[in-house]
Amino acid sequence: MATVASHSQRKQFIYVLKIGILYKIGRSTNPMQRVRGMQLPHMPDALDVYEVADSKAVEKMLHEQFKDQREHGEWFLLSEQDYRLIAGLVEKAKANGPAKVYAIPLRGKP
């Protein structure tokens, strides 16, 4: 008989969603479904997703790292340098293998 994976055994992800000048740093076990469920003013510019062992801890670390750039909730006003720093921070937080799963430009540049 097949068993359903417990919450702790599910893959965990950190996602960074760019829309306009803001970035949302969040966590989910299904980031694409999570993004589709958001009420956004328009299609996101980009989405980076990182598979991690402990998404809660990594999200907390990233929110703390960028607390001075927080606009509201999980939305941050980041520079391009800050944005590029995220991949390195996630890589350091991950124990094994590359952290970046994929980066998708979701709409063309104007």
Protein backbone atom coordinates (compact mmCIF):
# COMPACT_ATOMS: atom_id res chain seq x y z
CA MET A 1 0.00 0.00 0.00
CA ALA A 2 1.41 3.40 -1.01
CA THR A 3 1.73 6.00 1.68
CA VAL A 4 1.42 9.73 1.34
CA ALA A 5 4.62 11.63 2.12
CA SER A 6 4.44 13.50 5.38
CA HIS A 7 4.79 17.27 5.33
CA SER A 8 8.40 16.99 6.53
CA GLN A 9 9.25 14.62 3.66
CA ARG A 10 7.82 16.84 0.88
CA LYS A 11 10.22 18.83 -1.24
CA GLN A 12 10.55 22.38 0.06
CA PHE A 13 11.27 25.44 -2.03
CA ILE A 14 12.20 29.06 -1.66
CA TYR A 15 10.93 31.28 -4.44
CA VAL A 16 11.85 34.80 -5.49
CA LEU A 17 9.18 36.45 -7.58
CA LYS A 18 9.89 39.74 -9.37
CA ILE A 19 7.07 42.05 -10.31
CA GLY A 20 7.99 45.56 -11.33
CA ILE A 21 10.56 46.89 -8.87
CA LEU A 22 9.57 44.56 -6.03
CA TYR A 23 10.66 41.03 -5.15
CA LYS A 24 8.65 38.57 -3.08
CA ILE A 25 10.70 36.08 -1.08
CA GLY A 26 8.56 33.17 0.05
CA ARG A 27 8.43 29.43 0.58
CA SER A 28 6.18 26.67 -0.67
CA THR A 29 6.03 22.96 -1.41
CA ASN A 30 4.52 23.87 -4.80
CA PRO A 31 5.80 27.30 -5.90
CA MET A 32 4.13 27.33 -9.32
CA GLN A 33 0.73 26.64 -7.75
CA ARG A 34 1.47 29.25 -5.08
CA VAL A 35 2.29 31.92 -7.69
CA ARG A 36 -0.79 31.06 -9.78
CA GLY A 37 -2.91 31.56 -6.65
CA MET A 38 -1.58 35.07 -5.94
CA GLN A 39 -3.61 38.13 -6.83
CA LEU A 40 -1.01 40.12 -8.75
CA PRO A 41 -1.55 43.34 -10.74
CA HIS A 42 0.09 41.74 -13.80
CA MET A 43 2.17 38.75 -14.88
CA PRO A 44 5.46 38.47 -12.92
CA ASP A 45 8.70 39.45 -14.66
CA ALA A 46 10.65 36.47 -13.34
CA LEU A 47 10.54 33.59 -10.89
CA ASP A 48 13.54 31.86 -9.33
CA VAL A 49 12.96 28.68 -7.37
CA TYR A 50 15.45 26.94 -5.06
CA GLU A 51 14.97 23.50 -3.54
CA VAL A 52 16.14 23.49 0.09
CA ALA A 53 15.98 21.12 3.05
CA ASP A 54 14.43 23.63 5.48
CA SER A 55 12.46 26.31 3.66
CA LYS A 56 11.25 27.95 6.87
CA ALA A 57 14.81 28.54 8.12
CA VAL A 58 16.10 29.74 4.73
CA GLU A 59 13.15 32.09 4.25
CA LYS A 60 13.71 33.53 7.73
CA MET A 61 17.42 34.03 6.97
CA LEU A 62 16.65 35.84 3.68
CA HIS A 63 13.99 38.03 5.29
CA GLU A 64 16.48 38.96 8.01
CA GLN A 65 19.23 39.65 5.45
CA PHE A 66 17.02 42.09 3.55
CA LYS A 67 14.94 43.48 6.44
CA ASP A 68 16.04 47.05 5.68
CA GLN A 69 14.66 46.74 2.15
CA ARG A 70 11.27 45.31 3.22
CA GLU A 71 8.36 47.20 1.70
CA HIS A 72 5.54 45.15 3.23
CA GLY A 73 5.04 41.52 4.24
CA GLU A 74 7.31 39.34 2.08
CA TRP A 75 7.87 42.07 -0.55
CA PHE A 76 11.27 43.72 -0.79
CA LEU A 77 12.77 46.57 -2.81
CA LEU A 78 16.06 44.94 -3.84
CA SER A 79 18.91 46.14 -6.01
CA GLU A 80 20.23 43.89 -8.79
CA GLN A 81 23.20 43.18 -6.50
CA ASP A 82 20.85 42.11 -3.68
CA TYR A 83 18.94 39.92 -6.10
CA ARG A 84 22.14 38.19 -7.29
CA LEU A 85 23.21 37.71 -3.65
CA ILE A 86 20.15 35.55 -2.93
CA ALA A 87 21.46 32.58 -4.95
CA GLY A 88 24.74 32.63 -3.00
CA LEU A 89 22.96 32.86 0.34
CA VAL A 90 20.68 29.94 -0.53
CA GLU A 91 23.67 27.92 -1.75
CA LYS A 92 25.43 28.44 1.59
CA ALA A 93 22.28 27.41 3.45
CA LYS A 94 21.92 24.22 1.45
CA ALA A 95 24.03 21.28 2.60
CA ASN A 96 24.51 19.48 -0.72
CA GLY A 97 24.33 20.09 -4.43
CA PRO A 98 23.38 23.16 -6.38
CA ALA A 99 20.50 25.09 -4.90
CA LYS A 100 19.03 26.72 -7.98
CA VAL A 101 16.31 24.65 -9.56
CA TYR A 102 15.17 27.03 -12.29
CA ALA A 103 14.76 30.66 -13.27
CA ILE A 104 11.93 31.55 -15.61
CA PRO A 105 11.45 34.91 -17.32
CA LEU A 106 7.68 35.07 -17.23
CA ARG A 107 7.27 37.98 -19.63
CA GLY A 108 9.42 39.90 -22.05
CA LYS A 109 11.23 43.07 -21.12
CA PRO A 110 9.44 46.28 -22.21
